[in-house]
């Protein structure tokens, strides 16, 4: 993400309030723009369709369907995202640009086949009672959304961040517009507009990819070659995405907290709304994390390894290591400070906000817990990012695997305890893995010089 760091440092160096504000806004949009646009898009569609779609439970069925579509696409493409990012970075470093676009097409082909097959089986066996149009659109939707994540991760690898933001803004504008235009046709119309809008988004992203990269070979499968692929990265991608969603699946399919909505899809009325809002409220923390990590840490990280490569004095190397550690600590403290302010604002204004969204104020305690949990997720993600910079892939794999186990176990325990404990399982799992990641990072920094010189 060095391209982001360059842009952020340029804005921060202006040393004006406007420059700093622009840096934080840019960082917030880059780090959470697609997620925020997705959340608001689905929310706007639901709210504006209330007066048109009769009965209203069709809106719930639509929102649950697209939530599963997004969740399953993220989990399905998780093993490809980090592994493909590393493959692209390595090939660009080797100046073998001809392998980039051809392998991108191969990854999309594999993704299309896998997503299409899984969705077809699910629709054939779990949704026999639903309209044919719904089933076809769900299959097409999973394929399209899965390919969107591949395109986004590819464009992020080659630093096309602004193009991603512009494409998502235009794409989700089309999603909302088409869905509202077709909502009078019930769930098939809602889903048809959603899928068509995402098809436009995928076309925009694909246009950027093919405009910037060319190759005489149409398809190449080197990305799946054991010598060029990092299995640990594939497992990390799977574990992290599954870990983020596993508590939701537990609440959805536990008889006490979940209920069937359509076909095999279940939802949890008591849990889903606060979690949805919580992820919207962590955008400030994501911005703070990206500014501090990309604008400060990366600069000292580069300086440290430049000092090592050029034979600088031990005092200089130690100084750069200390600056790296200080920048990480400052970034983590800033995330905490920002989210403390957000939590206080929710305590003060949460009931009013929920009332404006026509949501019961009874959700406020769970919303507070989920905001804290989502904030811990940002901290955890930041720590994993730093560990990736230090090439601690096995540590990251252990931490993400622990996250899956703890999130599932603690969430089940919270359901057993009762409604007063809902949300605490997710928060407790993230607290444990975040503390474990901090401890591991401290150990890594303490032995950084030794590992740099002695383990190469």
Protein backbone atom coordinates (compact mmCIF):
# COMPACT_ATOMS: atom_id res chain seq x y z
CA UNK A 1 0.00 0.00 0.00
CA UNK A 2 2.99 2.25 -0.51
CA UNK A 3 1.08 4.31 -3.08
CA UNK A 4 -1.37 5.35 -0.38
CA UNK A 5 1.50 6.24 1.92
CA UNK A 6 3.06 8.49 -0.72
CA UNK A 7 -0.21 10.35 -1.27
CA UNK A 8 -0.91 10.69 2.46
CA UNK A 9 2.60 11.94 3.22
CA UNK A 10 2.23 14.53 0.44
CA UNK A 11 -1.01 15.81 1.99
CA UNK A 12 0.38 15.79 5.54
CA UNK A 13 3.51 17.73 4.54
CA UNK A 14 1.36 20.73 3.63
CA UNK A 15 1.21 21.24 7.40
CA UNK A 16 -2.19 22.91 7.28
CA UNK A 17 -5.48 21.94 8.90
CA UNK A 18 -6.97 21.45 5.44
CA UNK A 19 -4.10 19.19 4.36
CA UNK A 20 -4.39 17.03 7.48
CA UNK A 21 -8.19 16.84 7.12
CA UNK A 22 -7.86 15.83 3.47
CA UNK A 23 -5.35 13.14 4.43
CA UNK A 24 -7.74 11.63 6.98
CA UNK A 25 -10.74 11.79 4.64
CA UNK A 26 -8.72 10.20 1.84
CA UNK A 27 -7.47 7.48 4.20
CA UNK A 28 -10.98 6.81 5.50
CA UNK A 29 -12.42 6.46 2.03
CA UNK A 30 -9.58 4.21 0.86
CA UNK A 31 -9.66 1.92 3.90
CA UNK A 32 -13.41 1.57 4.26
CA UNK A 33 -14.98 3.23 1.22
CA UNK A 34 -16.23 0.05 -0.49
CA UNK A 35 -17.60 -1.32 2.79
CA UNK A 36 -19.30 1.95 3.74
CA UNK A 37 -20.80 2.37 0.26
CA UNK A 38 -22.07 -1.21 0.39
CA UNK A 39 -23.67 -0.70 3.81
CA UNK A 40 -25.29 2.61 2.93
CA UNK A 41 -26.38 1.32 -0.46
CA UNK A 42 -28.24 -1.61 1.09
CA UNK A 43 -29.70 0.65 3.81
CA UNK A 44 -30.91 3.27 1.31
CA UNK A 45 -32.48 0.59 -0.88
CA UNK A 46 -34.33 -0.84 2.10
CA UNK A 47 -35.59 2.48 3.45
CA UNK A 48 -36.68 3.94 0.09
CA UNK A 49 -38.40 0.70 -0.92
CA UNK A 50 -40.61 0.57 2.18
CA UNK A 51 -43.38 2.58 0.55
CA UNK A 52 -43.30 0.60 -2.70
CA UNK A 53 -42.61 -3.08 -1.99
CA UNK A 54 -45.60 -4.82 -0.50
CA UNK A 55 -45.36 -6.91 1.68
CA UNK A 56 -42.36 -5.42 3.48
CA UNK A 57 -40.90 -8.82 4.43
CA UNK A 58 -39.68 -8.98 0.81
CA UNK A 59 -37.23 -6.17 1.66
CA UNK A 60 -35.93 -8.26 4.56
CA UNK A 61 -35.53 -11.26 2.25
CA UNK A 62 -33.62 -9.09 -0.21
CA UNK A 63 -31.29 -7.63 2.43
CA UNK A 64 -30.59 -11.04 3.93
CA UNK A 65 -29.93 -12.51 0.48
CA UNK A 66 -27.37 -9.85 -0.47
CA UNK A 67 -25.75 -10.09 2.97
CA UNK A 68 -25.15 -13.80 2.40
CA UNK A 69 -23.95 -13.02 -1.11
CA UNK A 70 -21.32 -10.60 0.21
CA UNK A 71 -20.31 -12.82 3.14
CA UNK A 72 -19.93 -15.96 1.05
CA UNK A 73 -18.05 -14.12 -1.71
CA UNK A 74 -15.54 -12.72 0.80
CA UNK A 75 -14.96 -16.12 2.41
CA UNK A 76 -14.76 -17.86 -0.97
CA UNK A 77 -12.22 -15.42 -2.40
CA UNK A 78 -10.30 -15.07 0.87
CA UNK A 79 -7.71 -17.74 -0.03
CA UNK A 80 -7.03 -15.98 -3.36
CA UNK A 81 -6.83 -12.38 -2.18
CA UNK A 82 -3.56 -12.25 -0.23
CA UNK A 83 -1.85 -14.98 -2.26
CA UNK A 84 -2.67 -13.21 -5.53
CA UNK A 85 -1.57 -9.85 -4.10
CA UNK A 86 1.83 -11.33 -3.25
CA UNK A 87 2.10 -12.95 -6.69
CA UNK A 88 1.38 -9.64 -8.44
CA UNK A 89 3.85 -7.74 -6.24
CA UNK A 90 6.59 -10.30 -6.91
CA UNK A 91 6.04 -10.27 -10.67
CA UNK A 92 6.07 -6.46 -10.81
CA UNK A 93 9.29 -6.43 -8.79
CA UNK A 94 10.79 -8.87 -11.31
CA UNK A 95 9.50 -6.61 -14.14
CA UNK A 96 7.52 -9.51 -15.59
CA UNK A 97 4.41 -7.45 -16.27
CA UNK A 98 3.29 -9.85 -19.02
CA UNK A 99 2.38 -12.45 -16.36
CA UNK A 100 0.16 -10.08 -14.39
CA UNK A 101 -2.94 -9.70 -16.55
CA UNK A 102 -2.89 -13.27 -17.86
CA UNK A 103 -2.82 -14.66 -14.31
CA UNK A 104 -5.49 -12.18 -13.26
CA UNK A 105 -7.77 -13.71 -15.88
CA UNK A 106 -6.88 -17.21 -14.65
CA UNK A 107 -7.79 -16.28 -11.06
CA UNK A 108 -11.08 -14.81 -12.25
CA UNK A 109 -11.82 -17.97 -14.25
CA UNK A 110 -11.22 -20.20 -11.22
CA UNK A 111 -13.25 -17.83 -9.04
CA UNK A 112 -16.14 -17.83 -11.53
CA UNK A 113 -16.24 -21.63 -11.75
CA UNK A 114 -16.06 -22.10 -7.97
CA UNK A 115 -18.63 -19.42 -7.14
CA UNK A 116 -20.98 -20.56 -9.89
CA UNK A 117 -20.80 -24.22 -8.84
CA UNK A 118 -21.34 -23.48 -5.13
CA UNK A 119 -24.23 -21.10 -5.80
CA UNK A 120 -25.87 -23.51 -8.28
CA UNK A 121 -25.77 -26.39 -5.78
CA UNK A 122 -27.14 -24.18 -2.99
CA UNK A 123 -29.97 -22.85 -5.15
CA UNK A 124 -30.84 -26.32 -6.46
CA UNK A 125 -31.17 -27.93 -3.04
CA UNK A 126 -31.95 -25.13 -0.61
CA UNK A 127 -34.20 -22.80 -2.61
CA UNK A 128 -36.47 -25.04 -4.67
CA UNK A 129 -39.54 -23.12 -3.57
CA UNK A 130 -38.23 -19.74 -4.70
CA UNK A 131 -38.85 -18.19 -8.15
CA UNK A 132 -36.50 -19.24 -10.93
CA UNK A 133 -35.50 -15.61 -11.48
CA UNK A 134 -34.38 -15.32 -7.85
CA UNK A 135 -32.21 -18.43 -8.09
CA UNK A 136 -30.58 -17.36 -11.35
CA UNK A 137 -29.88 -13.88 -9.99
CA UNK A 138 -28.33 -15.29 -6.80
CA UNK A 139 -25.97 -17.47 -8.85
CA UNK A 140 -25.03 -14.56 -11.11
CA UNK A 141 -24.69 -12.24 -8.12
CA UNK A 142 -22.25 -14.49 -6.23
CA UNK A 143 -20.10 -14.85 -9.35
CA UNK A 144 -20.08 -11.10 -10.05
CA UNK A 145 -19.41 -9.99 -6.46
CA UNK A 146 -16.63 -12.58 -6.06
CA UNK A 147 -14.97 -11.27 -9.20
CA UNK A 148 -15.31 -7.72 -7.91
CA UNK A 149 -13.21 -8.59 -4.84
CA UNK A 150 -10.56 -10.12 -7.11
CA UNK A 151 -10.52 -6.98 -9.26
CA UNK A 152 -10.29 -4.74 -6.18
CA UNK A 153 -7.42 -6.70 -4.67
CA UNK A 154 -5.62 -6.66 -8.02
CA UNK A 155 -6.03 -2.89 -8.48
CA UNK A 156 -4.93 -2.34 -4.87
CA UNK A 157 -1.78 -4.34 -5.63
CA UNK A 158 -0.93 -1.98 -8.47
CA UNK A 159 -1.88 1.13 -6.46
CA UNK A 160 -4.97 2.19 -8.42
CA UNK A 161 -6.74 3.42 -5.28
CA UNK A 162 -8.51 6.48 -6.63
CA UNK A 163 -9.84 4.50 -9.57
CA UNK A 164 -11.27 1.96 -7.13
CA UNK A 165 -13.06 4.69 -5.19
CA UNK A 166 -14.46 6.32 -8.31
CA UNK A 167 -15.62 2.95 -9.66
CA UNK A 168 -17.37 2.07 -6.39
CA UNK A 169 -19.06 5.47 -6.23
CA UNK A 170 -20.37 5.11 -9.79
CA UNK A 171 -21.14 1.41 -9.37
CA UNK A 172 -23.11 1.80 -6.17
CA UNK A 173 -24.91 4.78 -7.60
CA UNK A 174 -26.04 2.42 -10.36
CA UNK A 175 -26.90 -0.27 -7.78
CA UNK A 176 -29.17 2.08 -5.82
CA UNK A 177 -30.72 3.62 -8.93
CA UNK A 178 -31.48 0.33 -10.69
CA UNK A 179 -32.75 -1.36 -7.54
CA UNK A 180 -35.13 1.50 -6.77
CA UNK A 181 -36.29 1.53 -10.40
CA UNK A 182 -37.15 -2.18 -10.23
CA UNK A 183 -38.35 -2.50 -6.63
CA UNK A 184 -42.00 -2.56 -7.71
CA UNK A 185 -41.36 -6.09 -9.01
CA UNK A 186 -40.72 -7.45 -5.52
CA UNK A 187 -37.67 -9.42 -4.48
CA UNK A 188 -36.79 -10.38 -8.07
CA UNK A 189 -36.75 -6.70 -9.06
CA UNK A 190 -34.71 -5.69 -6.00
CA UNK A 191 -32.19 -8.46 -6.59
CA UNK A 192 -32.14 -7.81 -10.34
CA UNK A 193 -31.22 -4.15 -9.81
CA UNK A 194 -28.57 -5.12 -7.25
CA UNK A 195 -26.92 -7.67 -9.55
CA UNK A 196 -27.13 -5.40 -12.62
CA UNK A 197 -25.52 -2.53 -10.69
CA UNK A 198 -22.69 -4.79 -9.56
CA UNK A 199 -22.22 -5.98 -13.13
CA UNK A 200 -21.65 -2.33 -14.08
CA UNK A 201 -19.18 -1.99 -11.19
CA UNK A 202 -17.29 -5.09 -12.34
CA UNK A 203 -17.19 -3.71 -15.89
CA UNK A 204 -15.72 -0.43 -14.62
CA UNK A 205 -13.04 -2.21 -12.59
CA UNK A 206 -12.23 -4.59 -15.45
CA UNK A 207 -11.88 -1.66 -17.82
CA UNK A 208 -9.24 -0.12 -15.54
CA UNK A 209 -7.36 -3.43 -15.34
CA UNK A 210 -7.28 -4.05 -19.09
CA UNK A 211 -6.46 -0.43 -19.88
CA UNK A 212 -3.29 -0.57 -17.78
CA UNK A 213 -2.02 -4.10 -18.43
CA UNK A 214 -1.45 -6.09 -21.61
CA UNK A 215 0.03 -9.49 -22.39
CA UNK A 216 0.46 -11.68 -25.49
CA UNK A 217 -0.87 -14.58 -23.41
CA UNK A 218 -4.57 -14.60 -22.63
CA UNK A 219 -4.38 -17.06 -19.71
CA UNK A 220 -1.53 -18.12 -17.42
CA UNK A 221 -1.81 -20.32 -14.36
CA UNK A 222 1.58 -19.60 -12.74
CA UNK A 223 -0.28 -18.05 -9.80
CA UNK A 224 -1.32 -21.58 -8.77
CA UNK A 225 2.21 -22.96 -9.12
CA UNK A 226 3.45 -24.20 -5.74
CA UNK A 227 6.78 -22.44 -6.33
CA UNK A 228 5.11 -19.03 -6.75
CA UNK A 229 2.26 -19.33 -4.31
CA UNK A 230 2.37 -18.89 -0.54
CA UNK A 231 -0.09 -21.37 1.05
CA UNK A 232 0.15 -19.57 4.38
CA UNK A 233 -1.26 -16.41 2.77
CA UNK A 234 -4.15 -18.39 1.31
CA UNK A 235 -4.97 -19.81 4.75
CA UNK A 236 -4.71 -16.38 6.38
CA UNK A 237 -7.17 -14.96 3.84
CA UNK A 238 -9.62 -17.77 4.54
CA UNK A 239 -9.24 -17.66 8.33
CA UNK A 240 -9.55 -13.90 8.67
CA UNK A 241 -12.67 -13.59 6.50
CA UNK A 242 -14.30 -16.60 8.12
CA UNK A 243 -13.36 -15.29 11.56
CA UNK A 244 -15.06 -11.97 10.86
CA UNK A 245 -18.31 -13.70 9.88
CA UNK A 246 -18.41 -16.77 12.13
CA UNK A 247 -20.21 -15.01 15.02
CA UNK A 248 -22.88 -13.85 12.58
CA UNK A 249 -23.39 -17.39 11.31
CA UNK A 250 -23.68 -18.66 14.89
CA UNK A 251 -26.37 -16.10 15.72
CA UNK A 252 -28.16 -16.77 12.44
CA UNK A 253 -28.45 -20.52 12.90
CA UNK A 254 -28.87 -20.81 16.66
CA UNK A 255 -32.61 -21.52 17.23
CA UNK A 256 -32.73 -19.06 20.15
CA UNK A 257 -31.40 -16.07 18.23
CA UNK A 258 -32.00 -16.79 14.55
CA UNK A 259 -34.94 -17.49 12.27
CA UNK A 260 -35.37 -18.71 8.71
CA UNK A 261 -35.93 -15.89 6.22
CA UNK A 262 -35.74 -17.47 2.77
CA UNK A 263 -34.56 -20.92 1.70
CA UNK A 264 -31.48 -21.90 3.68
CA UNK A 265 -30.84 -18.29 4.72
CA UNK A 266 -31.39 -17.38 8.36
CA UNK A 267 -31.00 -14.03 10.09
CA UNK A 268 -30.90 -12.68 13.64
CA UNK A 269 -33.04 -9.59 14.14
CA UNK A 270 -31.52 -8.84 17.52
CA UNK A 271 -27.87 -9.09 16.37
CA UNK A 272 -27.69 -7.98 12.74
CA UNK A 273 -28.74 -4.33 13.00
CA UNK A 274 -26.22 -3.30 15.73
CA UNK A 275 -23.36 -5.10 13.96
CA UNK A 276 -24.26 -3.41 10.68
CA UNK A 277 -24.21 0.05 12.30
CA UNK A 278 -21.03 -0.70 14.26
CA UNK A 279 -19.01 -1.23 11.10
CA UNK A 280 -20.17 2.16 9.83
CA UNK A 281 -18.92 3.82 13.03
CA UNK A 282 -15.36 2.45 12.75
CA UNK A 283 -14.57 4.49 9.64
CA UNK A 284 -12.75 7.17 11.74
CA UNK A 285 -10.57 4.46 13.32
CA UNK A 286 -9.76 3.01 9.92
CA UNK A 287 -8.70 6.45 8.70
CA UNK A 288 -6.49 7.00 11.77
CA UNK A 289 -4.90 3.58 11.34
CA UNK A 290 -4.12 4.10 7.66
CA UNK A 291 -2.67 7.58 8.15
CA UNK A 292 -0.36 6.54 10.97
CA UNK A 293 0.74 3.20 9.51
CA UNK A 294 1.17 4.32 5.91
CA UNK A 295 2.39 7.86 6.53
CA UNK A 296 4.70 7.12 9.49
CA UNK A 297 5.50 3.44 9.96
CA UNK A 298 6.28 2.70 6.31
CA UNK A 299 8.64 5.66 6.14
CA UNK A 300 10.66 4.40 9.12
CA UNK A 301 10.39 0.81 7.90
CA UNK A 302 12.01 1.81 4.60
CA UNK A 303 14.63 3.87 6.45
CA UNK A 304 15.50 0.93 8.70
CA UNK A 305 16.13 -1.48 5.84
CA UNK A 306 17.92 1.21 3.81
CA UNK A 307 20.25 1.64 6.79
CA UNK A 308 20.83 -2.13 6.90
CA UNK A 309 21.51 -2.39 3.16
CA UNK A 310 23.87 0.60 3.03
CA UNK A 311 25.93 -0.43 6.07
CA UNK A 312 24.86 2.43 8.35
CA UNK A 313 26.05 2.61 11.95
CA UNK A 314 24.43 0.44 14.60
CA UNK A 315 23.23 3.62 16.32
CA UNK A 316 21.41 4.67 13.13
CA UNK A 317 19.83 1.21 12.73
CA UNK A 318 18.67 1.19 16.36
CA UNK A 319 17.22 4.68 15.95
CA UNK A 320 15.18 3.67 12.90
CA UNK A 321 13.94 0.55 14.70
CA UNK A 322 12.85 2.70 17.66
CA UNK A 323 11.04 5.08 15.30
CA UNK A 324 9.20 2.13 13.75
CA UNK A 325 8.09 0.94 17.19
CA UNK A 326 7.06 4.46 18.18
CA UNK A 327 5.00 4.95 15.02
CA UNK A 328 3.12 1.69 15.60
CA UNK A 329 2.37 2.63 19.20
CA UNK A 330 1.24 6.11 18.15
CA UNK A 331 -1.04 4.58 15.51
CA UNK A 332 -2.63 2.18 17.97
CA UNK A 333 -3.10 4.94 20.56
CA UNK A 334 -4.70 7.16 17.95
CA UNK A 335 -7.17 4.43 16.98
CA UNK A 336 -8.09 4.03 20.64
CA UNK A 337 -8.52 7.78 21.19
CA UNK A 338 -10.67 8.19 18.10
CA UNK A 339 -12.94 5.30 18.99
CA UNK A 340 -13.30 6.42 22.60
CA UNK A 341 -14.73 9.68 21.24
CA UNK A 342 -17.03 7.70 18.89
CA UNK A 343 -18.28 5.53 21.77
CA UNK A 344 -18.96 8.61 23.93
CA UNK A 345 -20.92 10.19 21.08
CA UNK A 346 -22.97 7.00 20.70
CA UNK A 347 -23.70 7.00 24.46
CA UNK A 348 -24.90 10.60 24.18
CA UNK A 349 -26.68 10.50 20.85
CA UNK A 350 -27.25 6.80 20.16
CA UNK A 351 -30.91 6.73 21.15
CA UNK A 352 -31.64 9.73 18.92
CA UNK A 353 -29.79 8.13 16.00
CA UNK A 354 -31.61 4.82 16.40
CA UNK A 355 -34.92 6.68 16.57
CA UNK A 356 -34.13 8.53 13.33
CA UNK A 357 -33.49 5.16 11.68
CA UNK A 358 -36.75 3.77 13.13
CA UNK A 359 -34.83 1.29 15.28
CA UNK A 360 -35.73 0.58 18.91
CA UNK A 361 -33.49 2.15 21.57
CA UNK A 362 -33.34 -1.31 23.17
CA UNK A 363 -30.55 -2.01 20.66
CA UNK A 364 -28.29 0.67 22.19
CA UNK A 365 -26.37 -1.54 24.71
CA UNK A 366 -25.61 -4.12 22.02
CA UNK A 367 -24.63 -1.35 19.59
CA UNK A 368 -22.06 -0.04 22.10
CA UNK A 369 -20.55 -3.49 22.56
CA UNK A 370 -20.41 -4.06 18.80
CA UNK A 371 -18.74 -0.67 18.20
CA UNK A 372 -16.06 -1.59 20.75
CA UNK A 373 -15.66 -5.00 19.08
CA UNK A 374 -15.40 -3.45 15.62
CA UNK A 375 -12.80 -1.00 16.97
CA UNK A 376 -10.79 -3.94 18.31
CA UNK A 377 -11.06 -5.51 14.85
CA UNK A 378 -9.42 -2.41 13.36
CA UNK A 379 -6.62 -2.68 15.95
CA UNK A 380 -6.19 -6.36 15.16
CA UNK A 381 -6.10 -5.67 11.44
CA UNK A 382 -3.49 -2.96 11.98
CA UNK A 383 -1.28 -5.32 13.98
CA UNK A 384 -1.60 -8.02 11.32
CA UNK A 385 -0.61 -5.47 8.69
CA UNK A 386 2.58 -4.61 10.60
CA UNK A 387 3.38 -8.31 11.08
CA UNK A 388 3.01 -8.77 7.32
CA UNK A 389 5.54 -5.99 6.78
CA UNK A 390 7.91 -7.94 9.04
CA UNK A 391 7.21 -11.12 7.03
CA UNK A 392 5.73 -12.94 10.04
CA UNK A 393 3.27 -14.99 7.96
CA UNK A 394 3.16 -17.96 10.33
CA UNK A 395 2.39 -15.70 13.29
CA UNK A 396 -0.43 -14.09 11.34
CA UNK A 397 -1.80 -17.53 10.43
CA UNK A 398 -1.78 -18.63 14.08
CA UNK A 399 -3.51 -15.43 15.18
CA UNK A 400 -6.25 -15.63 12.53
CA UNK A 401 -6.82 -19.33 13.29
CA UNK A 402 -7.14 -18.47 16.99
CA UNK A 403 -9.59 -15.70 16.05
CA UNK A 404 -11.89 -18.19 14.30
CA UNK A 405 -11.88 -20.63 17.23
CA UNK A 406 -12.36 -17.99 19.93
CA UNK A 407 -15.04 -16.05 18.06
CA UNK A 408 -17.10 -19.18 17.47
CA UNK A 409 -16.58 -20.50 21.02
CA UNK A 410 -17.17 -17.23 22.88
CA UNK A 411 -20.22 -16.40 20.75
CA UNK A 412 -21.81 -19.77 21.56
CA UNK A 413 -21.03 -19.16 25.24
CA UNK A 414 -22.61 -15.69 25.11
CA UNK A 415 -25.81 -17.18 23.69
CA UNK A 416 -25.87 -19.74 26.50
CA UNK A 417 -25.51 -16.97 29.11
CA UNK A 418 -28.38 -14.96 27.72
CA UNK A 419 -29.33 -11.70 25.94
CA UNK A 420 -27.32 -9.57 28.37
CA UNK A 421 -24.13 -11.21 27.02
CA UNK A 422 -24.88 -10.89 23.29
CA UNK A 423 -22.01 -9.27 21.42
CA UNK A 424 -19.50 -9.88 24.19
CA UNK A 425 -18.28 -13.09 22.55
CA UNK A 426 -17.17 -11.22 19.44
CA UNK A 427 -15.57 -8.48 21.56
CA UNK A 428 -13.82 -10.93 23.90
CA UNK A 429 -12.37 -12.94 21.00
CA UNK A 430 -10.96 -9.79 19.40
CA UNK A 431 -9.56 -8.56 22.74
CA UNK A 432 -7.66 -11.83 23.26
CA UNK A 433 -6.21 -12.00 19.74
CA UNK A 434 -5.36 -8.29 19.77
CA UNK A 435 -3.41 -8.66 23.01
CA UNK A 436 -1.71 -11.77 21.61
CA UNK A 437 -0.79 -9.84 18.46
CA UNK A 438 0.65 -6.96 20.54
CA UNK A 439 2.78 -9.39 22.54
CA UNK A 440 4.02 -11.13 19.40
CA UNK A 441 4.82 -7.82 17.72
CA UNK A 442 6.81 -6.66 20.77
CA UNK A 443 8.84 -9.88 20.60
CA UNK A 444 9.35 -9.42 16.88
CA UNK A 445 10.61 -5.86 17.29
CA UNK A 446 12.92 -6.87 20.15
CA UNK A 447 14.70 -9.40 17.91
CA UNK A 448 14.45 -7.45 14.65
CA UNK A 449 18.16 -6.74 14.22
CA UNK A 450 19.11 -10.34 15.04
CA UNK A 451 16.60 -11.78 12.57
CA UNK A 452 17.60 -9.25 9.89
CA UNK A 453 21.29 -10.15 10.04
CA UNK A 454 21.44 -13.75 11.29
CA UNK A 455 18.44 -15.51 9.72
CA UNK A 456 18.91 -14.45 6.08
